[in-house]
Each structure stands twice: as structure tokens, then as C-alpha cells.
């Protein structure tokens, strides 16, 4: 069996439509070649592109492929919109499928499509893709996420790093409009526990453990200056008056060349009289409660 002729460069690096192929003078036989995947009707994706892609890159390629033929007025929603916007989700929702909503009586269908309908919805464009606005996506996520997972999603939407997705007023208004819809109770419980300035889901987890243990809640990602007014560090979770900083160290911390900067700033903080609690993946909720409680007690805090 002969090898298919090479694709034109602009078709070899991204999903394309059958119409694009005709415009590039490809034959019908070439469009049906086995080196091209057909995830959606009228769309082709070079298999080589998929094979060398990471799971997250494959998801992006799938979204790009669907967008090629997405009807006017349809949009990505739910977990798919969340992933496009960079909202953290548990692994069980990171599927190689796309959630698509149509403002009509009939839901979108397809092998890689999870279809939905809506009477109305507010949408926006994000990274070149049409998505439901973040505050309404949070309402959709309330039916598929556990409470703490939803709080972490909301924390990300309220954070301005790397970009703000929603304000608290937006989330509260969307929740009110959601009414008694699916996940309404989880949504009502989650929103008051969400915070601005949270930069990772693990920071959310640590904060919730501390608060639920009856310990005072620390501030998130606060600037710590030296006596000269210059920045020394931005602490993940900070008790400013008691001079305690809690740092969550991700898995790459010991192998990341930037970790030397963390070591230097830790040393500077200690010399300035700060206590540092370092938390890693192996620490349990009980560990966090004990370490933070002990640090608070040493600084004179009492229950």
C-alpha cells in the first residue's frame, strides 16, 4: 500500500475542514486516507499531530477541530469551558470529549461530544474559542464537582493571576439566577468559602483544612516586605501580625532550578523573625492542622 502524499504545511499542523482540503487541491481519496483522523463530520486531524501530543494538547486539538464546524450560536460549556479557561478540575473530568451547548431544543451529538441545551446563555471568546462565561460555568460545575473541588474552581475564577475570570458579584448573581437547578446546594455552600488571590488548588486545600480545624484563617498570597520596604517574598498563606507564613511546595520543587530562589527567601524570612511552615503532597490534613496549630501556639495564639 502506497504511503499518502505529504499534506501542505498549513494542513499538517492543525485540524482542517474538508472544504479547506478542497481549497488546497487535495483529492477525495487523500482526504479519506488513514493518516487522517475524523473526530467530527467534515473535519480532519493529522494522526501524527495527535500521536506526539500530550493529553492536554490532544484536548486542545479536539476543541480546535470542533470549532472548525461549530454552528453559529453554539459554544463550549461545563468542564470543557473550564479547561479552556484554566480552571482546575479533578482527573475524572479531564476526558477527551467536548461539552457543547446549543441554544435550541436539540442537543449537539457526536462520538466525542457531550451535548447540552440552554434556553439562554451569556458567552465570550477565550483563546479563540467561544465559551460560556465563567460565572455560569461555575453553576454548571456545581452538579459534577464535590464541595471542595467547586471551591477550588471558584478560587481560580476570583484570582487575578494569571487573569481574572469573574468577580464575587458575578458568581453570586449567577448562583441566584441558577436558583434550585442541579447542584444548587453545593453552589450555595461553596461561594462563601471562596477567596480572591488564591493561585493554586493546593493552596485552597490548605486554607480549608486550617479554617475547618477552628484555626484563624490566613491571608492568601500576601506581600512580605523587609525593613527597607523592599519585597522579600509573597507568601502562599500568611499570618501577618504573628509573622507566620505557610508555603505549599509542589512536586517539582526539589528539581526546579528556581527552587534556589525559594531557599534564599526562606532564609531571609527567618532572619526577619518569620516562622515558615512548608507543606508537601505527603502531608495529611491532620499534619497541616498540627503544624499550623503548633506555630500559632508558639506565637502566643490560644483557642
Protein backbone atom coordinates (compact mmCIF):
# COMPACT_ATOMS: atom_id res chain seq x y z
CA UNK A 1 0.00 0.00 0.00
CA UNK A 2 1.47 3.35 -1.04
CA UNK A 3 2.18 6.00 1.52
CA UNK A 4 -0.14 9.05 1.33
CA UNK A 5 1.43 12.11 -0.23
CA UNK A 6 2.57 14.77 2.26
CA UNK A 7 -0.01 17.33 3.30
CA UNK A 8 0.52 21.02 2.55
CA UNK A 9 2.32 22.56 5.52
CA UNK A 10 -0.66 24.60 6.76
CA UNK A 11 -2.84 21.45 6.88
CA UNK A 12 -0.21 19.27 8.56
CA UNK A 13 0.00 21.35 11.74
CA UNK A 14 -3.66 21.79 12.76
CA UNK A 15 -7.19 20.43 12.27
CA UNK A 16 -8.79 21.36 8.96
CA UNK A 17 -12.13 21.02 7.20
CA UNK A 18 -12.90 19.05 4.08
CA UNK A 19 -13.55 22.41 2.43
CA UNK A 20 -10.02 23.51 3.40
CA UNK A 21 -8.68 20.32 1.81
CA UNK A 22 -10.55 21.00 -1.43
CA UNK A 23 -9.15 24.53 -1.43
CA UNK A 24 -5.67 23.03 -1.21
CA UNK A 25 -6.44 20.80 -4.21
CA UNK A 26 -6.43 17.53 -2.21
CA UNK A 27 -8.27 14.65 -3.81
CA UNK A 28 -11.22 12.92 -2.18
CA UNK A 29 -9.06 9.85 -1.71
CA UNK A 30 -6.38 11.86 0.10
CA UNK A 31 -8.98 13.32 2.45
CA UNK A 32 -10.08 9.77 3.33
CA UNK A 33 -6.54 8.50 3.94
CA UNK A 34 -5.82 6.51 7.10
CA UNK A 35 -3.25 9.07 8.32
CA UNK A 36 -6.13 11.49 8.94
CA UNK A 37 -8.44 11.15 11.97
CA UNK A 38 -12.10 12.13 11.58
CA UNK A 39 -13.28 13.20 15.05
CA UNK A 40 -16.20 15.21 13.69
CA UNK A 41 -18.16 15.31 10.48
CA UNK A 42 -16.37 17.38 7.83
CA UNK A 43 -13.19 17.77 9.93
CA UNK A 44 -9.83 16.04 9.66
CA UNK A 45 -6.84 15.93 12.03
CA UNK A 46 -3.40 14.59 11.07
CA UNK A 47 -2.83 11.47 13.22
CA UNK A 48 0.86 12.35 13.57
CA UNK A 49 -0.23 15.56 15.29
CA UNK A 50 -2.28 13.62 17.84
CA UNK A 51 0.34 10.91 18.42
CA UNK A 52 3.05 13.33 19.50
CA UNK A 53 0.72 15.48 21.62
CA UNK A 54 0.33 15.32 25.40
CA UNK A 55 -3.17 14.59 26.80
CA UNK A 56 -3.75 18.32 27.38
CA UNK A 57 -2.55 19.12 23.86
CA UNK A 58 -4.87 16.43 22.46
CA UNK A 59 -7.77 18.09 24.28
CA UNK A 60 -6.85 21.45 22.75
CA UNK A 61 -6.63 19.87 19.29
CA UNK A 62 -10.07 18.30 19.76
CA UNK A 63 -11.56 21.68 20.73
CA UNK A 64 -9.90 23.32 17.73
CA UNK A 65 -11.29 20.58 15.49
CA UNK A 66 -14.85 21.01 16.75
CA UNK A 67 -14.61 24.77 16.48
CA UNK A 68 -13.90 24.38 12.77
CA UNK A 69 -17.50 23.33 12.14
CA UNK A 70 -19.28 24.66 15.23
CA UNK A 71 -22.67 26.13 14.21
CA UNK A 72 -23.33 29.79 14.93
CA UNK A 73 -24.65 30.31 18.45
CA UNK A 74 -23.20 27.06 19.86
CA UNK A 75 -20.45 27.20 22.48
CA UNK A 76 -18.21 25.14 24.75
CA UNK A 77 -19.61 24.73 28.24
CA UNK A 78 -19.22 22.93 31.58
CA UNK A 79 -15.92 21.07 32.14
CA UNK A 80 -14.72 21.85 28.60
CA UNK A 81 -15.14 25.61 29.05
CA UNK A 82 -13.49 25.32 32.46
CA UNK A 83 -10.43 23.58 31.00
CA UNK A 84 -10.17 26.12 28.18
CA UNK A 85 -10.15 28.90 30.79
CA UNK A 86 -7.60 27.15 33.01
CA UNK A 87 -9.98 26.31 35.85
CA UNK A 88 -8.70 23.29 37.83
CA UNK A 89 -10.74 20.09 37.55
CA UNK A 90 -10.29 16.61 39.06
CA UNK A 91 -8.76 13.99 36.71
CA UNK A 92 -12.11 12.17 36.31
CA UNK A 93 -13.45 15.15 34.32
CA UNK A 94 -10.42 15.55 32.06
CA UNK A 95 -11.95 13.49 29.25
CA UNK A 96 -11.05 13.51 25.58
CA UNK A 97 -14.53 14.77 24.77
CA UNK A 98 -16.06 18.21 24.42
CA UNK A 99 -19.10 19.59 26.22
CA UNK A 100 -21.06 21.71 23.74
CA UNK A 101 -24.28 23.65 24.34
CA UNK A 102 -26.83 24.77 21.77
CA UNK A 103 -29.49 27.37 22.50
CA UNK A 104 -32.16 25.19 20.92
CA UNK A 105 -34.40 22.21 21.61
CA UNK A 106 -31.84 19.68 20.34
CA UNK A 107 -28.51 18.88 21.97
CA UNK A 108 -25.35 18.53 19.86
CA UNK A 109 -24.37 14.93 19.14
CA UNK A 110 -21.21 13.06 18.17
CA UNK A 111 -18.72 10.38 19.21
CA UNK A 112 -16.55 12.90 21.04
CA UNK A 113 -19.38 15.26 22.03
CA UNK A 114 -21.38 15.60 25.24
CA UNK A 115 -24.29 17.76 24.17
CA UNK A 116 -26.45 20.16 26.18
CA UNK A 117 -29.19 22.68 25.53
CA UNK A 118 -29.95 26.02 27.16
CA UNK A 119 -32.81 28.48 26.85
CA UNK A 120 -30.33 31.33 27.04
CA UNK A 121 -26.69 31.83 27.99
CA UNK A 122 -24.05 34.53 28.08
CA UNK A 123 -20.90 33.68 26.17
CA UNK A 124 -17.48 35.11 25.50
CA UNK A 125 -14.34 34.29 23.49
CA UNK A 126 -11.35 32.77 25.25
CA UNK A 127 -8.15 31.74 23.45
CA UNK A 128 -10.06 31.84 20.18
CA UNK A 129 -12.88 29.61 21.40
CA UNK A 130 -16.49 30.50 22.14
CA UNK A 131 -17.28 29.57 25.75
CA UNK A 132 -19.95 30.18 28.33
CA UNK A 133 -18.97 32.96 30.76
CA UNK A 134 -17.09 31.77 33.84
CA UNK A 135 -19.79 32.54 36.42
CA UNK A 136 -22.32 30.40 34.54
CA UNK A 137 -19.73 27.66 34.03
CA UNK A 138 -19.32 27.53 37.83
CA UNK A 139 -23.08 26.85 38.12
CA UNK A 140 -22.74 24.01 35.61
CA UNK A 141 -19.77 22.56 37.51
CA UNK A 142 -21.79 22.52 40.73
CA UNK A 143 -23.63 19.41 39.53
CA UNK A 144 -20.44 17.39 38.86
CA UNK A 145 -17.93 18.62 41.48
CA UNK A 146 -17.63 17.91 45.18
CA UNK A 147 -17.81 20.91 47.52
CA UNK A 148 -14.05 21.45 47.90
CA UNK A 149 -13.47 20.92 44.18
CA UNK A 150 -16.04 23.62 43.44
CA UNK A 151 -14.42 25.99 45.95
CA UNK A 152 -11.06 25.48 44.21
CA UNK A 153 -12.68 26.22 40.83
CA UNK A 154 -14.24 29.40 42.22
CA UNK A 155 -10.95 30.46 43.83
CA UNK A 156 -9.32 30.29 40.40
CA UNK A 157 -12.08 32.39 38.84
CA UNK A 158 -11.67 35.07 41.51
CA UNK A 159 -7.86 35.22 41.24
CA UNK A 160 -6.23 37.88 39.09
CA UNK A 161 -3.21 35.65 38.38
CA UNK A 162 -2.76 34.94 35.56
CA UNK A 163 -6.10 36.64 34.70
CA UNK A 164 -9.38 37.42 36.43
CA UNK A 165 -12.30 35.31 35.19
CA UNK A 166 -15.11 36.59 37.41
CA UNK A 167 -15.85 38.78 40.41
CA UNK A 168 -17.66 37.66 43.54
CA UNK A 169 -20.65 39.73 42.46
CA UNK A 170 -20.73 37.83 39.14
CA UNK A 171 -20.66 34.47 40.93
CA UNK A 172 -23.36 35.45 43.41
CA UNK A 173 -25.62 36.83 40.65
CA UNK A 174 -25.20 33.68 38.55
CA UNK A 175 -25.94 31.48 41.58
CA UNK A 176 -29.11 33.47 42.28
CA UNK A 177 -30.21 33.06 38.65
CA UNK A 178 -29.40 29.34 38.84
CA UNK A 179 -31.98 29.07 41.60
CA UNK A 180 -32.81 25.48 42.51
CA UNK A 181 -31.04 23.99 39.49
CA UNK A 182 -28.75 20.97 39.72
CA UNK A 183 -26.03 21.44 42.30
CA UNK A 184 -27.71 24.49 43.84
CA UNK A 185 -26.98 23.44 47.43
CA UNK A 186 -23.29 22.78 46.70
CA UNK A 187 -23.09 26.14 44.95
CA UNK A 188 -24.66 27.97 47.90
CA UNK A 189 -22.28 26.28 50.34
CA UNK A 190 -19.21 26.90 48.16
CA UNK A 191 -19.41 30.59 47.26
CA UNK A 192 -18.99 31.98 50.82
CA UNK A 193 -15.88 29.80 51.21
CA UNK A 194 -14.21 31.07 48.02
CA UNK A 195 -11.42 33.63 48.28
CA UNK A 196 -9.64 36.06 45.99
CA UNK A 197 -5.86 35.92 45.42
CA UNK A 198 -5.54 32.12 45.52
CA UNK A 199 -3.05 30.81 42.97
CA UNK A 200 -3.37 27.02 43.17
CA UNK A 201 -5.86 24.30 44.19
CA UNK A 202 -3.45 23.06 46.86
CA UNK A 203 -3.48 26.49 48.49
CA UNK A 204 -7.27 26.18 48.58
CA UNK A 205 -6.99 22.79 50.25
CA UNK A 206 -4.58 24.03 52.92
CA UNK A 207 -6.76 27.06 53.69
CA UNK A 208 -9.89 24.93 54.05
CA UNK A 209 -8.11 22.47 56.35
CA UNK A 210 -6.97 25.34 58.57
CA UNK A 211 -10.38 27.03 58.72
CA UNK A 212 -12.28 23.80 59.40
CA UNK A 213 -9.89 22.94 62.22
CA UNK A 214 -11.08 26.05 64.04
CA UNK A 215 -7.79 27.89 63.48
CA UNK A 216 -7.74 31.52 62.29
CA UNK A 217 -7.83 31.82 58.52
CA UNK A 218 -4.61 33.17 56.96
CA UNK A 219 -4.49 35.66 54.11
CA UNK A 220 -3.66 34.38 50.62
CA UNK A 221 -0.58 35.42 48.64
CA UNK A 222 0.37 38.44 50.69
CA UNK A 223 3.41 40.58 50.07
CA UNK A 224 6.08 40.48 52.79
CA UNK A 225 8.49 43.42 52.81
CA UNK A 226 11.76 43.89 54.66
CA UNK A 227 12.57 46.84 56.95
CA UNK A 228 13.70 48.81 53.89
CA UNK A 229 10.29 48.40 52.26
CA UNK A 230 11.64 46.10 49.54
CA UNK A 231 9.87 42.86 48.65
CA UNK A 232 11.25 39.77 50.36
CA UNK A 233 8.57 37.23 49.44
CA UNK A 234 4.93 36.68 48.54
CA UNK A 235 3.69 34.04 50.95
CA UNK A 236 1.14 31.44 49.90
CA UNK A 237 -0.76 31.79 53.19
CA UNK A 238 0.23 34.43 55.70
CA UNK A 239 -0.50 35.44 59.31
CA UNK A 240 0.88 38.96 59.08
CA UNK A 241 0.65 40.04 62.73
CA UNK A 242 2.03 36.74 64.04
CA UNK A 243 4.74 36.60 61.34
CA UNK A 244 3.90 33.06 60.17
CA UNK A 245 3.99 32.05 56.51
CA UNK A 246 2.71 28.73 55.13
CA UNK A 247 4.18 27.54 51.83
CA UNK A 248 2.85 24.70 49.70
CA UNK A 249 5.69 23.17 47.70
CA UNK A 250 4.65 21.40 44.52
CA UNK A 251 6.13 18.14 43.26
CA UNK A 252 8.71 19.83 41.08
CA UNK A 253 10.12 21.94 43.92
CA UNK A 254 13.31 19.92 44.55
CA UNK A 255 14.12 19.58 40.83
CA UNK A 256 13.21 23.09 39.73
CA UNK A 257 16.25 25.40 39.32
CA UNK A 258 14.03 28.25 40.57
CA UNK A 259 13.80 26.50 43.96
CA UNK A 260 17.11 28.11 44.93
CA UNK A 261 15.24 31.41 44.96
CA UNK A 262 12.74 29.91 47.42
CA UNK A 263 15.59 28.76 49.67
CA UNK A 264 17.11 32.24 49.68
CA UNK A 265 13.84 33.94 50.50
CA UNK A 266 13.07 31.41 53.24
CA UNK A 267 16.42 32.25 54.84
CA UNK A 268 15.70 35.98 54.61
CA UNK A 269 12.29 35.50 56.22
CA UNK A 270 13.78 33.52 59.11
CA UNK A 271 16.35 36.26 59.73
CA UNK A 272 13.47 38.76 59.83
CA UNK A 273 11.77 36.74 62.55
CA UNK A 274 9.20 34.81 60.46
CA UNK A 275 8.21 31.20 61.10
CA UNK A 276 7.86 29.11 57.91
CA UNK A 277 5.67 26.03 57.57
CA UNK A 278 6.46 24.02 54.45
CA UNK A 279 3.76 21.66 53.22
CA UNK A 280 4.17 18.98 50.56
CA UNK A 281 1.97 16.35 48.94
CA UNK A 282 2.64 13.67 51.58
CA UNK A 283 1.23 15.82 54.38
CA UNK A 284 -2.28 14.94 55.56
CA UNK A 285 -4.98 17.29 56.82
CA UNK A 286 -4.05 16.19 60.37
CA UNK A 287 -0.42 17.13 59.67
CA UNK A 288 -1.41 20.58 58.46
CA UNK A 289 -3.66 21.19 61.46
CA UNK A 290 -0.92 20.11 63.87
CA UNK A 291 1.88 22.12 62.25
CA UNK A 292 -0.14 25.31 61.90
CA UNK A 293 -1.62 24.94 65.39
CA UNK A 294 1.84 24.48 66.92
CA UNK A 295 3.21 27.51 65.08
CA UNK A 296 0.29 29.66 66.23
CA UNK A 297 0.74 28.49 69.82
CA UNK A 298 4.43 29.37 69.76
CA UNK A 299 3.44 32.89 68.70
CA UNK A 300 1.03 33.19 71.61
CA UNK A 301 -2.27 32.37 69.90
CA UNK A 302 -4.76 30.41 72.01
CA UNK A 303 -8.07 28.82 71.03
